[in-house]
Amino acid sequence: MSIFEAVLLGLVQGITEFLPVSSDGHLVVFSYLFGLDMKSRLPFTVMLHAATALAMLVFFAPTIWRLLSGLWAREPAQRKGSWQMVLFVAVASVPAGVVGYAIGERLESAFSTPLLIGLMMLVSGGVVFGTRYARGGGALTWWRALLVGLAQAVGIIPAISRSGATIATGMYVGLERGAAFEFSFLLAIPAILGAFVLQVRKLDLTVVRPGPLAVGMLVAFGFGLAALYVLRKAVLSRRLHWFAYYCWAAGLAVILWVR
């Protein structure tokens, strides 16, 4: 893999990991374009995910600190709110954990062909477009948390955007937009870190040159942070549905390309 390819794949991962356009789908398509074999593609992709996971932790560091410090706060209301949020995340993480452990690899292999990637991009665009009509404003509850968790499980399918599915579902079930955005990524932290731990044990990083790997990870980290700022602004300004047009265009382009 060349430095140019590493920069391009890092750029694709950084921009698409958090925006509701599916990073896995884009990485599969670009890997096919570059002719990368699975032996080198898998470890490189996993490490790019690690870089964007770090960007997510940096972006949400104040929220995470506030949540963790609240677990032992003297103020009863603050302590109760923090423990409740931790339990919401734990309960909502169960569906994706079960699906990912039981059939995650089979799902990924089944849907990792360019044609199916294109079709799933069209579906993902439809999910995101529907947020144009969502009218939220409610607080997080047990059933809302669980439904968002189910959406995260569906997001395991390549080209179904995890962030798009979870934020959209949160808005569909009545969550306030800012709350839907924040809960989507609090829920993503254990899911993404857990997936990385499961995958990293099986990686052979010796098949990837260290130079391109480091460059790709640095690019993915920087653009991942930028993408989070863009996404938060889009959600709060009621413009999340704009990403649907890109999903539809990209999906159609992929389908036409493979025909």
Protein backbone atom coordinates (compact mmCIF):
# COMPACT_ATOMS: atom_id res chain seq x y z
CA MET A 1 0.00 0.00 0.00
CA SER A 2 1.36 3.41 -0.98
CA ILE A 3 1.31 6.59 1.09
CA PHE A 4 -1.24 8.05 -1.33
CA GLU A 5 -3.59 5.09 -0.87
CA ALA A 6 -3.15 5.27 2.90
CA VAL A 7 -3.99 8.99 2.94
CA LEU A 8 -7.05 8.46 0.75
CA LEU A 9 -8.35 5.56 2.87
CA GLY A 10 -7.64 7.51 6.07
CA LEU A 11 -9.52 10.47 4.62
CA VAL A 12 -12.46 8.25 3.67
CA GLN A 13 -12.53 6.63 7.13
CA GLY A 14 -12.23 9.94 8.99
CA ILE A 15 -14.99 11.66 7.06
CA THR A 16 -17.42 8.75 6.80
CA GLU A 17 -17.03 7.00 10.17
CA PHE A 18 -19.24 9.49 11.99
CA LEU A 19 -21.20 11.16 9.22
CA PRO A 20 -24.33 9.12 8.34
CA VAL A 21 -22.91 7.74 5.09
CA SER A 22 -21.25 4.46 6.27
CA SER A 23 -17.48 4.19 6.53
CA ASP A 24 -17.43 0.41 6.03
CA GLY A 25 -19.29 0.72 2.75
CA HIS A 26 -16.87 3.33 1.45
CA LEU A 27 -13.81 1.38 2.58
CA VAL A 28 -15.06 -1.77 0.84
CA VAL A 29 -15.65 0.12 -2.42
CA PHE A 30 -12.28 1.92 -2.33
CA SER A 31 -10.47 -1.30 -1.42
CA TYR A 32 -11.99 -2.94 -4.48
CA LEU A 33 -10.92 0.03 -6.61
CA PHE A 34 -7.34 -0.22 -5.32
CA GLY A 35 -7.33 -4.00 -5.63
CA LEU A 36 -6.32 -4.49 -1.99
CA ASP A 37 -6.40 -8.09 -0.84
CA MET A 38 -8.28 -9.04 2.33
CA LYS A 39 -5.03 -10.02 4.08
CA SER A 40 -3.74 -6.44 4.09
CA ARG A 41 -7.12 -4.67 3.95
CA LEU A 42 -8.48 -6.04 7.23
CA PRO A 43 -5.66 -4.95 9.59
CA PHE A 44 -5.41 -1.55 7.93
CA THR A 45 -9.17 -1.00 8.21
CA VAL A 46 -9.24 -2.06 11.87
CA MET A 47 -6.43 0.35 12.75
CA LEU A 48 -8.19 3.19 10.92
CA HIS A 49 -11.24 2.44 13.08
CA ALA A 50 -8.98 2.67 16.14
CA ALA A 51 -7.86 6.13 15.04
CA THR A 52 -11.41 7.41 14.64
CA ALA A 53 -12.39 5.79 17.96
CA LEU A 54 -9.66 7.88 19.60
CA ALA A 55 -11.06 10.99 17.86
CA MET A 56 -14.48 10.17 19.32
CA LEU A 57 -13.05 9.82 22.83
CA VAL A 58 -11.28 13.16 22.50
CA PHE A 59 -14.41 14.90 21.19
CA PHE A 60 -16.64 13.52 23.95
CA ALA A 61 -14.03 13.72 26.73
CA PRO A 62 -15.92 16.49 28.62
CA THR A 63 -19.19 14.52 28.41
CA ILE A 64 -17.50 11.30 29.52
CA TRP A 65 -15.76 13.04 32.41
CA ARG A 66 -18.99 14.68 33.53
CA LEU A 67 -20.77 11.34 33.41
CA LEU A 68 -18.08 9.39 35.28
CA SER A 69 -17.51 12.07 37.91
CA GLY A 70 -21.25 12.27 38.46
CA LEU A 71 -21.33 8.63 39.58
CA TRP A 72 -19.80 9.71 42.89
CA ALA A 73 -21.18 13.25 43.08
CA ARG A 74 -22.49 14.51 46.40
CA GLU A 75 -25.59 15.91 44.77
CA PRO A 76 -28.18 13.07 44.72
CA ALA A 77 -29.86 14.27 41.53
CA GLN A 78 -26.56 14.41 39.64
CA ARG A 79 -25.51 11.01 40.94
CA LYS A 80 -28.86 9.47 40.01
CA GLY A 81 -28.71 10.97 36.51
CA SER A 82 -25.21 9.64 35.86
CA TRP A 83 -26.02 6.12 37.06
CA GLN A 84 -29.21 6.13 35.03
CA MET A 85 -27.31 7.10 31.88
CA VAL A 86 -24.74 4.35 32.47
CA LEU A 87 -27.57 1.83 32.80
CA PHE A 88 -29.25 3.19 29.66
CA VAL A 89 -26.00 2.66 27.73
CA ALA A 90 -25.55 -0.83 29.19
CA VAL A 91 -29.08 -1.94 28.29
CA ALA A 92 -28.95 -0.40 24.81
CA SER A 93 -25.58 -2.07 24.13
CA VAL A 94 -26.99 -5.58 24.54
CA PRO A 95 -28.58 -5.98 21.05
CA ALA A 96 -25.43 -5.01 19.13
CA GLY A 97 -23.29 -7.08 21.49
CA VAL A 98 -25.40 -10.19 20.90
CA VAL A 99 -25.63 -9.72 17.13
CA GLY A 100 -21.96 -8.80 16.78
CA TYR A 101 -20.76 -11.79 18.79
CA ALA A 102 -23.16 -14.32 17.26
CA ILE A 103 -23.33 -13.43 13.57
CA GLY A 104 -21.35 -10.22 13.09
CA GLU A 105 -18.64 -11.71 10.87
CA ARG A 106 -21.18 -13.60 8.77
CA LEU A 107 -23.22 -10.43 8.30
CA GLU A 108 -20.15 -8.48 7.23
CA SER A 109 -19.02 -11.12 4.75
CA ALA A 110 -22.55 -11.54 3.37
CA PHE A 111 -22.98 -7.82 2.73
CA SER A 112 -19.43 -6.92 1.72
CA THR A 113 -19.94 -7.08 -2.06
CA PRO A 114 -20.14 -3.80 -3.98
CA LEU A 115 -23.69 -4.44 -5.25
CA LEU A 116 -25.12 -5.02 -1.78
CA ILE A 117 -23.10 -2.08 -0.45
CA GLY A 118 -24.83 0.13 -3.03
CA LEU A 119 -28.27 -1.19 -2.10
CA MET A 120 -27.66 -0.68 1.62
CA MET A 121 -26.52 2.88 0.97
CA LEU A 122 -29.93 3.56 -0.58
CA VAL A 123 -31.59 2.14 2.53
CA SER A 124 -29.35 4.20 4.80
CA GLY A 125 -30.26 7.32 2.85
CA GLY A 126 -33.96 6.62 3.35
CA VAL A 127 -33.48 6.24 7.12
CA VAL A 128 -31.62 9.54 7.35
CA PHE A 129 -34.03 11.42 5.08
CA GLY A 130 -36.92 10.61 7.38
CA THR A 131 -35.40 12.76 10.13
CA ARG A 132 -36.59 15.77 8.16
CA TYR A 133 -40.05 15.08 9.56
CA ALA A 134 -39.04 13.99 13.09
CA ARG A 135 -40.40 16.16 15.87
CA GLY A 136 -38.62 15.23 19.09
CA GLY A 137 -38.28 16.98 22.41
CA GLY A 138 -38.61 14.18 24.94
CA ALA A 139 -36.12 12.78 27.45
CA LEU A 140 -34.34 9.45 27.34
CA THR A 141 -36.33 6.52 28.73
CA TRP A 142 -35.74 2.77 28.96
CA TRP A 143 -37.77 1.93 25.89
CA ARG A 144 -36.24 4.74 23.84
CA ALA A 145 -32.74 3.62 24.83
CA LEU A 146 -33.52 0.03 23.85
CA LEU A 147 -34.90 1.04 20.44
CA VAL A 148 -31.76 3.07 19.73
CA GLY A 149 -29.76 0.01 20.78
CA LEU A 150 -31.68 -2.14 18.30
CA ALA A 151 -30.85 0.40 15.58
CA GLN A 152 -27.18 0.09 16.48
CA ALA A 153 -27.43 -3.69 16.00
CA VAL A 154 -28.86 -3.10 12.51
CA GLY A 155 -25.92 -0.75 11.87
CA ILE A 156 -23.56 -3.74 11.96
CA ILE A 157 -24.61 -4.42 8.36
CA PRO A 158 -22.01 -2.77 6.09
CA ALA A 159 -23.24 0.44 4.42
CA ILE A 160 -26.00 0.90 7.03
CA SER A 161 -24.60 3.89 8.87
CA ARG A 162 -24.40 3.25 12.62
CA SER A 163 -24.54 6.94 13.47
CA GLY A 164 -27.33 7.56 10.98
CA ALA A 165 -29.41 4.64 12.24
CA THR A 166 -29.02 5.49 15.94
CA ILE A 167 -29.45 9.26 15.69
CA ALA A 168 -32.43 8.87 13.34
CA THR A 169 -34.07 6.29 15.61
CA GLY A 170 -33.56 8.52 18.62
CA MET A 171 -35.28 11.35 16.80
CA TYR A 172 -38.06 9.07 15.52
CA VAL A 173 -38.93 7.90 19.04
CA GLY A 174 -39.14 11.46 20.31
CA LEU A 175 -35.71 12.36 21.67
CA GLU A 176 -34.54 15.95 21.54
CA ARG A 177 -31.96 16.33 18.76
CA GLY A 178 -29.00 17.09 21.00
CA ALA A 179 -29.88 14.16 23.26
CA ALA A 180 -30.17 11.82 20.26
CA PHE A 181 -26.72 12.90 19.04
CA GLU A 182 -25.07 12.51 22.45
CA PHE A 183 -26.66 9.17 23.30
CA SER A 184 -25.78 7.77 19.87
CA PHE A 185 -22.09 8.29 20.56
CA LEU A 186 -22.13 7.35 24.23
CA LEU A 187 -23.60 4.08 22.96
CA ALA A 188 -20.92 3.87 20.28
CA ILE A 189 -18.02 3.95 22.75
CA PRO A 190 -18.42 0.42 24.20
CA ALA A 191 -19.55 -0.94 20.80
CA ILE A 192 -16.58 0.38 18.85
CA LEU A 193 -14.01 -0.38 21.56
CA GLY A 194 -15.47 -3.87 22.06
CA ALA A 195 -15.34 -4.61 18.33
CA PHE A 196 -11.74 -3.39 18.20
CA VAL A 197 -10.68 -5.66 21.09
CA LEU A 198 -12.29 -8.66 19.38
CA GLN A 199 -10.68 -7.91 16.03
CA VAL A 200 -7.21 -6.79 17.11
CA ARG A 201 -6.41 -10.21 18.58
CA LYS A 202 -6.72 -11.75 15.11
CA LEU A 203 -4.69 -9.14 13.24
CA ASP A 204 -1.34 -9.64 11.60
CA LEU A 205 0.03 -6.10 11.39
CA THR A 206 3.24 -7.33 9.78
CA VAL A 207 1.43 -7.39 6.41
CA VAL A 208 0.98 -3.60 6.57
CA ARG A 209 3.88 -1.18 6.12
CA PRO A 210 4.26 1.00 9.26
CA GLY A 211 4.70 4.26 7.33
CA PRO A 212 1.42 4.17 5.39
CA LEU A 213 -0.37 2.81 8.47
CA ALA A 214 0.79 5.71 10.66
CA VAL A 215 -0.10 8.28 8.00
CA GLY A 216 -3.52 6.75 7.41
CA MET A 217 -4.31 6.68 11.13
CA LEU A 218 -3.23 10.32 11.59
CA VAL A 219 -5.42 11.45 8.69
CA ALA A 220 -8.38 9.39 9.97
CA PHE A 221 -8.02 10.90 13.45
CA GLY A 222 -7.93 14.51 12.25
CA PHE A 223 -10.79 14.23 9.82
CA GLY A 224 -12.79 12.14 12.31
CA LEU A 225 -12.71 15.04 14.77
CA ALA A 226 -13.76 17.48 12.06
CA ALA A 227 -16.61 15.19 10.99
CA LEU A 228 -18.01 15.08 14.53
CA TYR A 229 -18.21 18.88 14.66
CA VAL A 230 -19.95 18.92 11.28
CA LEU A 231 -22.40 16.20 12.31
CA ARG A 232 -23.34 17.88 15.59
CA LYS A 233 -24.03 21.12 13.76
CA ALA A 234 -26.13 19.31 11.13
CA VAL A 235 -28.21 17.53 13.77
CA LEU A 236 -28.85 20.65 15.87
CA SER A 237 -29.68 22.78 12.81
CA ARG A 238 -32.19 20.22 11.43
CA ARG A 239 -30.07 19.42 8.39
CA LEU A 240 -29.23 15.77 9.01
CA HIS A 241 -31.48 14.72 6.11
CA TRP A 242 -29.12 16.48 3.68
CA PHE A 243 -26.80 13.47 3.94
CA ALA A 244 -29.52 11.29 2.41
CA TYR A 245 -28.90 12.82 -1.01
CA TYR A 246 -25.26 11.79 -0.86
CA CYS A 247 -26.16 8.24 0.26
CA TRP A 248 -28.59 7.88 -2.64
CA ALA A 249 -26.14 9.27 -5.19
CA ALA A 250 -23.27 7.11 -3.90
CA GLY A 251 -25.47 4.02 -3.74
CA LEU A 252 -26.67 4.46 -7.31
CA ALA A 253 -23.11 5.11 -8.49
CA VAL A 254 -21.88 1.88 -6.90
CA ILE A 255 -24.78 -0.14 -8.36
CA LEU A 256 -24.15 1.27 -11.85
CA TRP A 257 -20.42 0.66 -11.49
CA VAL A 258 -20.77 -3.06 -10.74
CA ARG A 259 -23.33 -3.71 -13.50
